[in-house]
Amino acid sequence: MQKFTQNKHSDALLFERFSEMFGQNYECIGVFNDETLIGICGLWFCTRHYSGRSIEVDHVYIDDEYQSKGIGKQLFSWIYTYAKAKGYEAVELNTYVQNHPSHKFYYNEGFNILGYHFVKKM
C-alpha cells in the first residue's frame, strides 16, 4: 500500500497547477510585514450540502519567526469577515493528522472535527 506524503514539486508543475486553480473558484491571500511576505493561504469557494456556502481554507503557512504572535488569529479574523462579506456561511479546512499545534489553534478558533480526509493517488 502506497502512503500519501507531501511531495516537493518543481516550480513549473506548481505554476501549472496554480494557473488551473485560479480558474476554479480559488483565491490566494498573503500576510505581509511591510514588504515581506510572512504568511499565505488559499481559499476555495463552494457550496456543500452539509454546510451551505463555504470557504475552504487551504495550506495555511505562517513563517516560523512570526508564529505564536497572533498573526494566525488576525489572518482568520480577516477570513471570517471576508467570508461573511461575500455571503458565505461557513469556513472549513483540513489539517494533517500529525500537525498537533494546528489542531489546538483550530479548536481555539471554534472549529469542530467532522471526519477524515482521504486521498488516493491515481
PDB file of N, CA and C in Angstrom:
ATOM      1  N   MET A   1       0.843  -1.168   0.000  1.00  0.00           N
ATOM      2  CA  MET A   1       0.000   0.000   0.000  1.00  0.00           C
ATOM      3  C   MET A   1       0.892   1.236   0.000  1.00  0.00           C
ATOM      4  N   GLN A   2       0.640   2.150  -0.937  1.00  0.00           N
ATOM      5  CA  GLN A   2       1.425   3.368  -1.027  1.00  0.00           C
ATOM      6  C   GLN A   2       0.864   4.407  -0.075  1.00  0.00           C
ATOM      7  N   LYS A   3       1.708   4.970   0.739  1.00  0.00           N
ATOM      8  CA  LYS A   3       1.299   6.016   1.673  1.00  0.00           C
ATOM      9  C   LYS A   3       1.416   7.361   0.975  1.00  0.00           C
ATOM     10  N   PHE A   4       0.384   8.192   1.109  1.00  0.00           N
ATOM     11  CA  PHE A   4       0.415   9.533   0.531  1.00  0.00           C
ATOM     12  C   PHE A   4       1.263  10.430   1.409  1.00  0.00           C
ATOM     13  N   THR A   5       2.236  11.089   0.827  1.00  0.00           N
ATOM     14  CA  THR A   5       3.072  12.025   1.566  1.00  0.00           C
ATOM     15  C   THR A   5       3.115  13.340   0.815  1.00  0.00           C
ATOM     16  N   GLN A   6       3.480  14.373   1.541  1.00  0.00           N
ATOM     17  CA  GLN A   6       3.658  15.670   0.928  1.00  0.00           C
ATOM     18  C   GLN A   6       4.898  15.618   0.052  1.00  0.00           C
ATOM     19  N   ASN A   7       4.762  15.926  -1.222  1.00  0.00           N
ATOM     20  CA  ASN A   7       5.885  15.870  -2.149  1.00  0.00           C
ATOM     21  C   ASN A   7       6.367  17.271  -2.473  1.00  0.00           C
ATOM     22  N   LYS A   8       7.639  17.389  -2.759  1.00  0.00           N
ATOM     23  CA  LYS A   8       8.195  18.632  -3.287  1.00  0.00           C
ATOM     24  C   LYS A   8       8.016  18.563  -4.803  1.00  0.00           C
ATOM     25  N   HIS A   9       7.487  19.636  -5.377  1.00  0.00           N
ATOM     26  CA  HIS A   9       7.216  19.654  -6.809  1.00  0.00           C
ATOM     27  C   HIS A   9       8.035  20.755  -7.469  1.00  0.00           C
ATOM     28  N   SER A  10       8.283  20.580  -8.750  1.00  0.00           N
ATOM     29  CA  SER A  10       9.034  21.577  -9.500  1.00  0.00           C
ATOM     30  C   SER A  10       8.234  22.871  -9.590  1.00  0.00           C
ATOM     31  N   ASP A  11       8.947  23.972  -9.769  1.00  0.00           N
ATOM     32  CA  ASP A  11       8.281  25.270  -9.937  1.00  0.00           C
ATOM     33  C   ASP A  11       7.349  25.237 -11.141  1.00  0.00           C
ATOM     34  N   ALA A  12       7.762  24.567 -12.213  1.00  0.00           N
ATOM     35  CA  ALA A  12       6.931  24.504 -13.425  1.00  0.00           C
ATOM     36  C   ALA A  12       5.614  23.790 -13.139  1.00  0.00           C
ATOM     37  N   LEU A  13       5.669  22.671 -12.413  1.00  0.00           N
ATOM     38  CA  LEU A  13       4.444  21.942 -12.089  1.00  0.00           C
ATOM     39  C   LEU A  13       3.550  22.778 -11.177  1.00  0.00           C
ATOM     40  N   LEU A  14       4.145  23.421 -10.176  1.00  0.00           N
ATOM     41  CA  LEU A  14       3.349  24.265  -9.278  1.00  0.00           C
ATOM     42  C   LEU A  14       2.707  25.422 -10.037  1.00  0.00           C
ATOM     43  N   PHE A  15       3.433  26.059 -10.949  1.00  0.00           N
ATOM     44  CA  PHE A  15       2.883  27.146 -11.752  1.00  0.00           C
ATOM     45  C   PHE A  15       1.692  26.646 -12.572  1.00  0.00           C
ATOM     46  N   GLU A  16       1.846  25.476 -13.181  1.00  0.00           N
ATOM     47  CA  GLU A  16       0.763  24.878 -13.969  1.00  0.00           C
ATOM     48  C   GLU A  16      -0.471  24.628 -13.097  1.00  0.00           C
ATOM     49  N   ARG A  17      -0.264  24.056 -11.923  1.00  0.00           N
ATOM     50  CA  ARG A  17      -1.391  23.754 -11.031  1.00  0.00           C
ATOM     51  C   ARG A  17      -2.067  25.020 -10.533  1.00  0.00           C
ATOM     52  N   PHE A  18      -1.265  26.009 -10.096  1.00  0.00           N
ATOM     53  CA  PHE A  18      -1.872  27.251  -9.615  1.00  0.00           C
ATOM     54  C   PHE A  18      -2.625  27.962 -10.726  1.00  0.00           C
ATOM     55  N   SER A  19      -2.081  27.959 -11.931  1.00  0.00           N
ATOM     56  CA  SER A  19      -2.775  28.584 -13.060  1.00  0.00           C
ATOM     57  C   SER A  19      -4.149  27.957 -13.263  1.00  0.00           C
ATOM     58  N   GLU A  20      -4.235  26.652 -13.139  1.00  0.00           N
ATOM     59  CA  GLU A  20      -5.511  25.953 -13.276  1.00  0.00           C
ATOM     60  C   GLU A  20      -6.434  26.251 -12.089  1.00  0.00           C
ATOM     61  N   MET A  21      -5.863  26.276 -10.884  1.00  0.00           N
ATOM     62  CA  MET A  21      -6.659  26.502  -9.674  1.00  0.00           C
ATOM     63  C   MET A  21      -7.364  27.851  -9.708  1.00  0.00           C
ATOM     64  N   PHE A  22      -6.692  28.898 -10.200  1.00  0.00           N
ATOM     65  CA  PHE A  22      -7.280  30.234 -10.194  1.00  0.00           C
ATOM     66  C   PHE A  22      -8.532  30.320 -11.063  1.00  0.00           C
ATOM     67  N   GLY A  23      -8.724  29.371 -11.950  1.00  0.00           N
ATOM     68  CA  GLY A  23      -9.946  29.315 -12.743  1.00  0.00           C
ATOM     69  C   GLY A  23     -11.026  28.455 -12.109  1.00  0.00           C
ATOM     70  N   GLN A  24     -10.793  27.960 -10.880  1.00  0.00           N
ATOM     71  CA  GLN A  24     -11.721  27.036 -10.221  1.00  0.00           C
ATOM     72  C   GLN A  24     -12.192  27.558  -8.861  1.00  0.00           C
ATOM     73  N   ASN A  25     -12.624  28.808  -8.803  1.00  0.00           N
ATOM     74  CA  ASN A  25     -13.120  29.400  -7.554  1.00  0.00           C
ATOM     75  C   ASN A  25     -12.084  29.376  -6.439  1.00  0.00           C
ATOM     76  N   TYR A  26     -10.842  29.683  -6.774  1.00  0.00           N
ATOM     77  CA  TYR A  26      -9.735  29.682  -5.820  1.00  0.00           C
ATOM     78  C   TYR A  26      -9.134  31.073  -5.752  1.00  0.00           C
ATOM     79  N   GLU A  27      -8.818  31.518  -4.547  1.00  0.00           N
ATOM     80  CA  GLU A  27      -8.086  32.758  -4.340  1.00  0.00           C
ATOM     81  C   GLU A  27      -6.932  32.466  -3.392  1.00  0.00           C
ATOM     82  N   CYS A  28      -5.874  33.223  -3.522  1.00  0.00           N
ATOM     83  CA  CYS A  28      -4.710  33.081  -2.657  1.00  0.00           C
ATOM     84  C   CYS A  28      -4.498  34.414  -1.959  1.00  0.00           C
ATOM     85  N   ILE A  29      -4.304  34.377  -0.631  1.00  0.00           N
ATOM     86  CA  ILE A  29      -4.085  35.615   0.107  1.00  0.00           C
ATOM     87  C   ILE A  29      -2.753  35.548   0.833  1.00  0.00           C
ATOM     88  N   GLY A  30      -2.143  36.702   1.002  1.00  0.00           N
ATOM     89  CA  GLY A  30      -0.864  36.777   1.679  1.00  0.00           C
ATOM     90  C   GLY A  30      -0.944  37.700   2.880  1.00  0.00           C
ATOM     91  N   VAL A  31      -0.059  37.444   3.834  1.00  0.00           N
ATOM     92  CA  VAL A  31       0.090  38.280   5.021  1.00  0.00           C
ATOM     93  C   VAL A  31       1.478  38.904   4.932  1.00  0.00           C
ATOM     94  N   PHE A  32       1.544  40.212   5.064  1.00  0.00           N
ATOM     95  CA  PHE A  32       2.805  40.920   4.893  1.00  0.00           C
ATOM     96  C   PHE A  32       3.188  41.689   6.146  1.00  0.00           C
ATOM     97  N   ASN A  33       4.481  41.753   6.403  1.00  0.00           N
ATOM     98  CA  ASN A  33       5.070  42.656   7.376  1.00  0.00           C
ATOM     99  C   ASN A  33       5.866  43.651   6.550  1.00  0.00           C
ATOM    100  N   ASP A  34       5.330  44.844   6.380  1.00  0.00           N
ATOM    101  CA  ASP A  34       5.852  45.824   5.425  1.00  0.00           C
ATOM    102  C   ASP A  34       5.833  45.179   4.037  1.00  0.00           C
ATOM    103  N   GLU A  35       6.978  44.980   3.417  1.00  0.00           N
ATOM    104  CA  GLU A  35       7.046  44.395   2.080  1.00  0.00           C
ATOM    105  C   GLU A  35       7.375  42.899   2.101  1.00  0.00           C
ATOM    106  N   THR A  36       7.518  42.314   3.286  1.00  0.00           N
ATOM    107  CA  THR A  36       7.925  40.914   3.410  1.00  0.00           C
ATOM    108  C   THR A  36       6.715  40.012   3.571  1.00  0.00           C
ATOM    109  N   LEU A  37       6.598  39.013   2.700  1.00  0.00           N
ATOM    110  CA  LEU A  37       5.533  38.017   2.798  1.00  0.00           C
ATOM    111  C   LEU A  37       5.854  37.096   3.970  1.00  0.00           C
ATOM    112  N   ILE A  38       4.963  37.063   4.981  1.00  0.00           N
ATOM    113  CA  ILE A  38       5.214  36.245   6.171  1.00  0.00           C
ATOM    114  C   ILE A  38       4.176  35.144   6.351  1.00  0.00           C
ATOM    115  N   GLY A  39       3.132  35.170   5.548  1.00  0.00           N
ATOM    116  CA  GLY A  39       2.106  34.143   5.640  1.00  0.00           C
ATOM    117  C   GLY A  39       1.317  34.073   4.357  1.00  0.00           C
ATOM    118  N   ILE A  40       0.687  32.924   4.156  1.00  0.00           N
ATOM    119  CA  ILE A  40      -0.071  32.723   2.919  1.00  0.00           C
ATOM    120  C   ILE A  40      -1.083  31.606   3.126  1.00  0.00           C
ATOM    121  N   CYS A  41      -2.169  31.656   2.401  1.00  0.00           N
ATOM    122  CA  CYS A  41      -3.110  30.533   2.356  1.00  0.00           C
ATOM    123  C   CYS A  41      -4.009  30.678   1.138  1.00  0.00           C
ATOM    124  N   GLY A  42      -4.649  29.587   0.802  1.00  0.00           N
ATOM    125  CA  GLY A  42      -5.598  29.589  -0.300  1.00  0.00           C
ATOM    126  C   GLY A  42      -7.014  29.529   0.234  1.00  0.00           C
ATOM    127  N   LEU A  43      -7.943  29.973  -0.583  1.00  0.00           N
ATOM    128  CA  LEU A  43      -9.364  29.921  -0.245  1.00  0.00           C
ATOM    129  C   LEU A  43     -10.118  29.317  -1.424  1.00  0.00           C
ATOM    130  N   TRP A  44     -10.850  28.248  -1.169  1.00  0.00           N
ATOM    131  CA  TRP A  44     -11.710  27.612  -2.163  1.00  0.00           C
ATOM    132  C   TRP A  44     -13.149  28.003  -1.844  1.00  0.00           C
ATOM    133  N   PHE A  45     -13.900  28.457  -2.822  1.00  0.00           N
ATOM    134  CA  PHE A  45     -15.289  28.882  -2.636  1.00  0.00           C
ATOM    135  C   PHE A  45     -16.213  27.842  -3.254  1.00  0.00           C
ATOM    136  N   CYS A  46     -17.152  27.330  -2.445  1.00  0.00           N
ATOM    137  CA  CYS A  46     -18.047  26.299  -2.953  1.00  0.00           C
ATOM    138  C   CYS A  46     -19.336  26.258  -2.131  1.00  0.00           C
ATOM    139  N   THR A  47     -20.256  25.425  -2.575  1.00  0.00           N
ATOM    140  CA  THR A  47     -21.481  25.153  -1.822  1.00  0.00           C
ATOM    141  C   THR A  47     -21.502  23.663  -1.542  1.00  0.00           C
ATOM    142  N   ARG A  48     -21.684  23.325  -0.284  1.00  0.00           N
ATOM    143  CA  ARG A  48     -21.706  21.921   0.133  1.00  0.00           C
ATOM    144  C   ARG A  48     -23.065  21.616   0.745  1.00  0.00           C
ATOM    145  N   HIS A  49     -23.525  20.391   0.558  1.00  0.00           N
ATOM    146  CA  HIS A  49     -24.850  20.020   1.058  1.00  0.00           C
ATOM    147  C   HIS A  49     -24.938  20.090   2.573  1.00  0.00           C
ATOM    148  N   TYR A  50     -23.836  19.871   3.292  1.00  0.00           N
ATOM    149  CA  TYR A  50     -23.872  19.833   4.751  1.00  0.00           C
ATOM    150  C   TYR A  50     -23.576  21.172   5.418  1.00  0.00           C
ATOM    151  N   SER A  51     -22.944  22.108   4.691  1.00  0.00           N
ATOM    152  CA  SER A  51     -22.588  23.375   5.330  1.00  0.00           C
ATOM    153  C   SER A  51     -23.049  24.603   4.565  1.00  0.00           C
ATOM    154  N   GLY A  52     -23.651  24.407   3.402  1.00  0.00           N
ATOM    155  CA  GLY A  52     -24.085  25.557   2.597  1.00  0.00           C
ATOM    156  C   GLY A  52     -22.913  26.195   1.888  1.00  0.00           C
ATOM    157  N   ARG A  53     -23.034  27.504   1.674  1.00  0.00           N
ATOM    158  CA  ARG A  53     -21.955  28.243   1.004  1.00  0.00           C
ATOM    159  C   ARG A  53     -20.765  28.323   1.950  1.00  0.00           C
ATOM    160  N   SER A  54     -19.645  27.745   1.525  1.00  0.00           N
ATOM    161  CA  SER A  54     -18.492  27.688   2.426  1.00  0.00           C
ATOM    162  C   SER A  54     -17.201  28.056   1.718  1.00  0.00           C
ATOM    163  N   ILE A  55     -16.277  28.539   2.529  1.00  0.00           N
ATOM    164  CA  ILE A  55     -14.914  28.802   2.085  1.00  0.00           C
ATOM    165  C   ILE A  55     -14.039  27.749   2.746  1.00  0.00           C
ATOM    166  N   GLU A  56     -13.282  27.016   1.933  1.00  0.00           N
ATOM    167  CA  GLU A  56     -12.332  26.051   2.486  1.00  0.00           C
ATOM    168  C   GLU A  56     -10.952  26.681   2.476  1.00  0.00           C
ATOM    169  N   VAL A  57     -10.382  26.829   3.656  1.00  0.00           N
ATOM    170  CA  VAL A  57      -9.040  27.383   3.805  1.00  0.00           C
ATOM    171  C   VAL A  57      -8.038  26.274   3.496  1.00  0.00           C
ATOM    172  N   ASP A  58      -7.031  26.590   2.680  1.00  0.00           N
ATOM    173  CA  ASP A  58      -6.121  25.589   2.154  1.00  0.00           C
ATOM    174  C   ASP A  58      -4.668  26.003   2.371  1.00  0.00           C
ATOM    175  N   HIS A  59      -3.868  25.092   2.890  1.00  0.00           N
ATOM    176  CA  HIS A  59      -2.416  25.271   3.053  1.00  0.00           C
ATOM    177  C   HIS A  59      -2.044  26.589   3.735  1.00  0.00           C
ATOM    178  N   VAL A  60      -2.465  26.726   4.975  1.00  0.00           N
ATOM    179  CA  VAL A  60      -2.109  27.899   5.775  1.00  0.00           C
ATOM    180  C   VAL A  60      -0.632  27.800   6.150  1.00  0.00           C
ATOM    181  N   TYR A  61       0.094  28.879   5.927  1.00  0.00           N
ATOM    182  CA  TYR A  61       1.503  28.912   6.291  1.00  0.00           C
ATOM    183  C   TYR A  61       1.821  30.276   6.898  1.00  0.00           C
ATOM    184  N   ILE A  62       2.413  30.259   8.084  1.00  0.00           N
ATOM    185  CA  ILE A  62       2.951  31.456   8.725  1.00  0.00           C
ATOM    186  C   ILE A  62       4.442  31.184   8.967  1.00  0.00           C
ATOM    187  N   ASP A  63       5.294  32.091   8.536  1.00  0.00           N
ATOM    188  CA  ASP A  63       6.732  31.929   8.713  1.00  0.00           C
ATOM    189  C   ASP A  63       7.051  31.647  10.183  1.00  0.00           C
ATOM    190  N   ASP A  64       7.990  30.720  10.407  1.00  0.00           N
ATOM    191  CA  ASP A  64       8.352  30.302  11.772  1.00  0.00           C
ATOM    192  C   ASP A  64       8.620  31.485  12.696  1.00  0.00           C
ATOM    193  N   GLU A  65       9.297  32.489  12.197  1.00  0.00           N
ATOM    194  CA  GLU A  65       9.658  33.659  13.012  1.00  0.00           C
ATOM    195  C   GLU A  65       8.432  34.418  13.529  1.00  0.00           C
ATOM    196  N   TYR A  66       7.298  34.289  12.826  1.00  0.00           N
ATOM    197  CA  TYR A  66       6.094  35.046  13.179  1.00  0.00           C
ATOM    198  C   TYR A  66       5.022  34.197  13.854  1.00  0.00           C
ATOM    199  N   GLN A  67       5.294  32.918  14.060  1.00  0.00           N
ATOM    200  CA  GLN A  67       4.309  32.060  14.714  1.00  0.00           C
ATOM    201  C   GLN A  67       4.203  32.400  16.198  1.00  0.00           C
ATOM    202  N   SER A  68       3.024  32.139  16.763  1.00  0.00           N
ATOM    203  CA  SER A  68       2.730  32.397  18.184  1.00  0.00           C
ATOM    204  C   SER A  68       2.794  33.882  18.527  1.00  0.00           C
ATOM    205  N   LYS A  69       2.505  34.727  17.527  1.00  0.00           N
ATOM    206  CA  LYS A  69       2.487  36.176  17.751  1.00  0.00           C
ATOM    207  C   LYS A  69       1.139  36.785  17.368  1.00  0.00           C
ATOM    208  N   GLY A  70       0.114  35.922  17.213  1.00  0.00           N
ATOM    209  CA  GLY A  70      -1.218  36.425  16.898  1.00  0.00           C
ATOM    210  C   GLY A  70      -1.495  36.630  15.418  1.00  0.00           C
ATOM    211  N   ILE A  71      -0.529  36.319  14.559  1.00  0.00           N
ATOM    212  CA  ILE A  71      -0.705  36.519  13.113  1.00  0.00           C
ATOM    213  C   ILE A  71      -1.798  35.592  12.579  1.00  0.00           C
ATOM    214  N   GLY A  72      -1.776  34.312  12.994  1.00  0.00           N
ATOM    215  CA  GLY A  72      -2.804  33.371  12.545  1.00  0.00           C
ATOM    216  C   GLY A  72      -4.194  33.818  12.971  1.00  0.00           C
ATOM    217  N   LYS A  73      -4.324  34.306  14.181  1.00  0.00           N
ATOM    218  CA  LYS A  73      -5.617  34.792  14.675  1.00  0.00           C
ATOM    219  C   LYS A  73      -6.089  35.980  13.835  1.00  0.00           C
ATOM    220  N   GLN A  74      -5.180  36.894  13.508  1.00  0.00           N
ATOM    221  CA  GLN A  74      -5.532  38.033  12.656  1.00  0.00           C
ATOM    222  C   GLN A  74      -5.935  37.566  11.257  1.00  0.00           C
ATOM    223  N   LEU A  75      -5.182  36.603  10.723  1.00  0.00           N
ATOM    224  CA  LEU A  75      -5.490  36.064   9.398  1.00  0.00           C
ATOM    225  C   LEU A  75      -6.898  35.471   9.381  1.00  0.00           C
ATOM    226  N   PHE A  76      -7.216  34.641  10.371  1.00  0.00           N
ATOM    227  CA  PHE A  76      -8.531  34.007  10.384  1.00  0.00           C
ATOM    228  C   PHE A  76      -9.646  35.002  10.668  1.00  0.00           C
ATOM    229  N   SER A  77      -9.384  36.021  11.444  1.00  0.00           N
ATOM    230  CA  SER A  77     -10.379  37.070  11.649  1.00  0.00           C
ATOM    231  C   SER A  77     -10.705  37.739  10.311  1.00  0.00           C
ATOM    232  N   TRP A  78      -9.655  38.005   9.522  1.00  0.00           N
ATOM    233  CA  TRP A  78      -9.857  38.591   8.200  1.00  0.00           C
ATOM    234  C   TRP A  78     -10.653  37.635   7.307  1.00  0.00           C
ATOM    235  N   ILE A  79     -10.331  36.339   7.341  1.00  0.00           N
ATOM    236  CA  ILE A  79     -11.040  35.343   6.527  1.00  0.00           C
ATOM    237  C   ILE A  79     -12.522  35.299   6.897  1.00  0.00           C
ATOM    238  N   TYR A  80     -12.851  35.311   8.203  1.00  0.00           N
ATOM    239  CA  TYR A  80     -14.259  35.273   8.629  1.00  0.00           C
ATOM    240  C   TYR A  80     -15.006  36.496   8.111  1.00  0.00           C
ATOM    241  N   THR A  81     -14.394  37.659   8.222  1.00  0.00           N
ATOM    242  CA  THR A  81     -15.028  38.897   7.743  1.00  0.00           C
ATOM    243  C   THR A  81     -15.221  38.846   6.235  1.00  0.00           C
ATOM    244  N   TYR A  82     -14.210  38.382   5.526  1.00  0.00           N
ATOM    245  CA  TYR A  82     -14.259  38.269   4.070  1.00  0.00           C
ATOM    246  C   TYR A  82     -15.347  37.296   3.640  1.00  0.00           C
ATOM    247  N   ALA A  83     -15.418  36.151   4.326  1.00  0.00           N
ATOM    248  CA  ALA A  83     -16.435  35.140   4.005  1.00  0.00           C
ATOM    249  C   ALA A  83     -17.841  35.720   4.168  1.00  0.00           C
ATOM    250  N   LYS A  84     -18.080  36.369   5.280  1.00  0.00           N
ATOM    251  CA  LYS A  84     -19.411  36.953   5.534  1.00  0.00           C
ATOM    252  C   LYS A  84     -19.741  38.014   4.502  1.00  0.00           C
ATOM    253  N   ALA A  85     -18.771  38.864   4.169  1.00  0.00           N
ATOM    254  CA  ALA A  85     -18.998  39.936   3.192  1.00  0.00           C
ATOM    255  C   ALA A  85     -19.349  39.381   1.818  1.00  0.00           C
ATOM    256  N   LYS A  86     -18.837  38.202   1.473  1.00  0.00           N
ATOM    257  CA  LYS A  86     -19.127  37.578   0.181  1.00  0.00           C
ATOM    258  C   LYS A  86     -20.364  36.682   0.229  1.00  0.00           C
ATOM    259  N   GLY A  87     -21.046  36.635   1.398  1.00  0.00           N
ATOM    260  CA  GLY A  87     -22.268  35.853   1.511  1.00  0.00           C
ATOM    261  C   GLY A  87     -22.058  34.387   1.832  1.00  0.00           C
ATOM    262  N   TYR A  88     -20.914  34.036   2.388  1.00  0.00           N
ATOM    263  CA  TYR A  88     -20.646  32.646   2.762  1.00  0.00           C
ATOM    264  C   TYR A  88     -20.976  32.439   4.230  1.00  0.00           C
ATOM    265  N   GLU A  89     -21.405  31.228   4.567  1.00  0.00           N
ATOM    266  CA  GLU A  89     -21.895  30.967   5.916  1.00  0.00           C
ATOM    267  C   GLU A  89     -21.035  30.005   6.720  1.00  0.00           C
ATOM    268  N   ALA A  90     -19.974  29.468   6.130  1.00  0.00           N
ATOM    269  CA  ALA A  90     -19.123  28.528   6.859  1.00  0.00           C
ATOM    270  C   ALA A  90     -17.689  28.634   6.347  1.00  0.00           C
ATOM    271  N   VAL A  91     -16.765  28.318   7.249  1.00  0.00           N
ATOM    272  CA  VAL A  91     -15.350  28.198   6.897  1.00  0.00           C
ATOM    273  C   VAL A  91     -14.928  26.803   7.327  1.00  0.00           C
ATOM    274  N   GLU A  92     -14.261  26.091   6.445  1.00  0.00           N
ATOM    275  CA  GLU A  92     -13.808  24.743   6.771  1.00  0.00           C
ATOM    276  C   GLU A  92     -12.387  24.553   6.276  1.00  0.00           C
ATOM    277  N   LEU A  93     -11.747  23.482   6.756  1.00  0.00           N
ATOM    278  CA  LEU A  93     -10.358  23.233   6.378  1.00  0.00           C
ATOM    279  C   LEU A  93      -9.982  21.803   6.702  1.00  0.00           C
ATOM    280  N   ASN A  94      -8.851  21.379   6.169  1.00  0.00           N
ATOM    281  CA  ASN A  94      -8.211  20.112   6.508  1.00  0.00           C
ATOM    282  C   ASN A  94      -6.889  20.441   7.176  1.00  0.00           C
ATOM    283  N   THR A  95      -6.430  19.559   8.033  1.00  0.00           N
ATOM    284  CA  THR A  95      -5.112  19.707   8.634  1.00  0.00           C
ATOM    285  C   THR A  95      -4.485  18.326   8.743  1.00  0.00           C
ATOM    286  N   TYR A  96      -3.175  18.260   8.607  1.00  0.00           N
ATOM    287  CA  TYR A  96      -2.503  16.975   8.682  1.00  0.00           C
ATOM    288  C   TYR A  96      -2.631  16.386  10.083  1.00  0.00           C
ATOM    289  N   VAL A  97      -2.824  15.081  10.165  1.00  0.00           N
ATOM    290  CA  VAL A  97      -3.056  14.378  11.424  1.00  0.00           C
ATOM    291  C   VAL A  97      -1.938  14.655  12.433  1.00  0.00           C
ATOM    292  N   GLN A  98      -0.709  14.702  11.978  1.00  0.00           N
ATOM    293  CA  GLN A  98       0.417  14.876  12.886  1.00  0.00           C
ATOM    294  C   GLN A  98       0.702  16.331  13.242  1.00  0.00           C
ATOM    295  N   ASN A  99      -0.043  17.272  12.695  1.00  0.00           N
ATOM    296  CA  ASN A  99       0.199  18.696  12.940  1.00  0.00           C
ATOM    297  C   ASN A  99      -0.575  19.155  14.183  1.00  0.00           C
ATOM    298  N   HIS A 100      -0.150  18.690  15.349  1.00  0.00           N
ATOM    299  CA  HIS A 100      -0.853  18.948  16.600  1.00  0.00           C
ATOM    300  C   HIS A 100      -0.973  20.427  16.956  1.00  0.00           C
ATOM    301  N   PRO A 101       0.043  21.258  16.714  1.00  0.00           N
ATOM    302  CA  PRO A 101      -0.128  22.683  17.030  1.00  0.00           C
ATOM    303  C   PRO A 101      -1.290  23.324  16.258  1.00  0.00           C
ATOM    304  N   SER A 102      -1.483  22.887  15.003  1.00  0.00           N
ATOM    305  CA  SER A 102      -2.602  23.455  14.233  1.00  0.00           C
ATOM    306  C   SER A 102      -3.936  23.005  14.809  1.00  0.00           C
ATOM    307  N   HIS A 103      -4.009  21.785  15.312  1.00  0.00           N
ATOM    308  CA  HIS A 103      -5.269  21.291  15.888  1.00  0.00           C
ATOM    309  C   HIS A 103      -5.683  22.177  17.054  1.00  0.00           C
ATOM    310  N   LYS A 104      -4.741  22.477  17.925  1.00  0.00           N
ATOM    311  CA  LYS A 104      -5.036  23.336  19.077  1.00  0.00           C
ATOM    312  C   LYS A 104      -5.511  24.710  18.601  1.00  0.00           C
ATOM    313  N   PHE A 105      -4.819  25.259  17.612  1.00  0.00           N
ATOM    314  CA  PHE A 105      -5.202  26.568  17.082  1.00  0.00           C
ATOM    315  C   PHE A 105      -6.635  26.543  16.543  1.00  0.00           C
ATOM    316  N   TYR A 106      -6.957  25.534  15.725  1.00  0.00           N
ATOM    317  CA  TYR A 106      -8.292  25.477  15.115  1.00  0.00           C
ATOM    318  C   TYR A 106      -9.384  25.202  16.146  1.00  0.00           C
ATOM    319  N   TYR A 107      -9.102  24.385  17.151  1.00  0.00           N
ATOM    320  CA  TYR A 107     -10.067  24.203  18.248  1.00  0.00           C
ATOM    321  C   TYR A 107     -10.343  25.541  18.927  1.00  0.00           C
ATOM    322  N   ASN A 108      -9.284  26.297  19.189  1.00  0.00           N
ATOM    323  CA  ASN A 108      -9.439  27.600  19.828  1.00  0.00           C
ATOM    324  C   ASN A 108     -10.191  28.590  18.954  1.00  0.00           C
ATOM    325  N   GLU A 109     -10.167  28.374  17.651  1.00  0.00           N
ATOM    326  CA  GLU A 109     -10.912  29.219  16.715  1.00  0.00           C
ATOM    327  C   GLU A 109     -12.361  28.775  16.579  1.00  0.00           C
ATOM    328  N   GLY A 110     -12.746  27.676  17.245  1.00  0.00           N
ATOM    329  CA  GLY A 110     -14.137  27.222  17.215  1.00  0.00           C
ATOM    330  C   GLY A 110     -14.450  26.178  16.152  1.00  0.00           C
ATOM    331  N   PHE A 111     -13.429  25.619  15.501  1.00  0.00           N
ATOM    332  CA  PHE A 111     -13.654  24.571  14.509  1.00  0.00           C
ATOM    333  C   PHE A 111     -13.948  23.243  15.207  1.00  0.00           C
ATOM    334  N   ASN A 112     -14.751  22.405  14.564  1.00  0.00           N
ATOM    335  CA  ASN A 112     -15.058  21.059  15.039  1.00  0.00           C
ATOM    336  C   ASN A 112     -14.598  20.043  14.005  1.00  0.00           C
ATOM    337  N   ILE A 113     -14.171  18.879  14.468  1.00  0.00           N
ATOM    338  CA  ILE A 113     -13.782  17.809  13.558  1.00  0.00           C
ATOM    339  C   ILE A 113     -15.045  17.067  13.116  1.00  0.00           C
ATOM    340  N   LEU A 114     -15.245  16.980  11.798  1.00  0.00           N
ATOM    341  CA  LEU A 114     -16.415  16.282  11.262  1.00  0.00           C
ATOM    342  C   LEU A 114     -16.057  14.933  10.663  1.00  0.00           C
ATOM    343  N   GLY A 115     -14.802  14.705  10.317  1.00  0.00           N
ATOM    344  CA  GLY A 115     -14.453  13.442   9.676  1.00  0.00           C
ATOM    345  C   GLY A 115     -12.988  13.416   9.299  1.00  0.00           C
ATOM    346  N   TYR A 116     -12.635  12.480   8.444  1.00  0.00           N
ATOM    347  CA  TYR A 116     -11.282  12.320   7.934  1.00  0.00           C
ATOM    348  C   TYR A 116     -11.268  12.686   6.457  1.00  0.00           C
ATOM    349  N   HIS A 117     -10.150  13.162   5.985  1.00  0.00           N
ATOM    350  CA  HIS A 117      -9.965  13.456   4.572  1.00  0.00           C
ATOM    351  C   HIS A 117      -9.081  12.368   3.988  1.00  0.00           C
ATOM    352  N   PHE A 118      -9.545  11.657   3.000  1.00  0.00           N
ATOM    353  CA  PHE A 118      -8.800  10.573   2.375  1.00  0.00           C
ATOM    354  C   PHE A 118      -8.334  11.006   0.994  1.00  0.00           C
ATOM    355  N   VAL A 119      -7.176  10.507   0.578  1.00  0.00           N
ATOM    356  CA  VAL A 119      -6.642  10.773  -0.749  1.00  0.00           C
ATOM    357  C   VAL A 119      -6.152   9.456  -1.334  1.00  0.00           C
ATOM    358  N   LYS A 120      -6.467   9.204  -2.589  1.00  0.00           N
ATOM    359  CA  LYS A 120      -5.926   8.061  -3.319  1.00  0.00           C
ATOM    360  C   LYS A 120      -5.260   8.610  -4.566  1.00  0.00           C
ATOM    361  N   LYS A 121      -3.954   8.436  -4.663  1.00  0.00           N
ATOM    362  CA  LYS A 121      -3.220   8.880  -5.834  1.00  0.00           C
ATOM    363  C   LYS A 121      -3.465   7.899  -6.976  1.00  0.00           C
ATOM    364  N   MET A 122      -3.725   8.405  -8.142  1.00  0.00           N
ATOM    365  CA  MET A 122      -4.007   7.599  -9.321  1.00  0.00           C
ATOM    366  C   MET A 122      -2.791   7.559 -10.224  1.00  0.00           C
TER     367      MET A 122
END
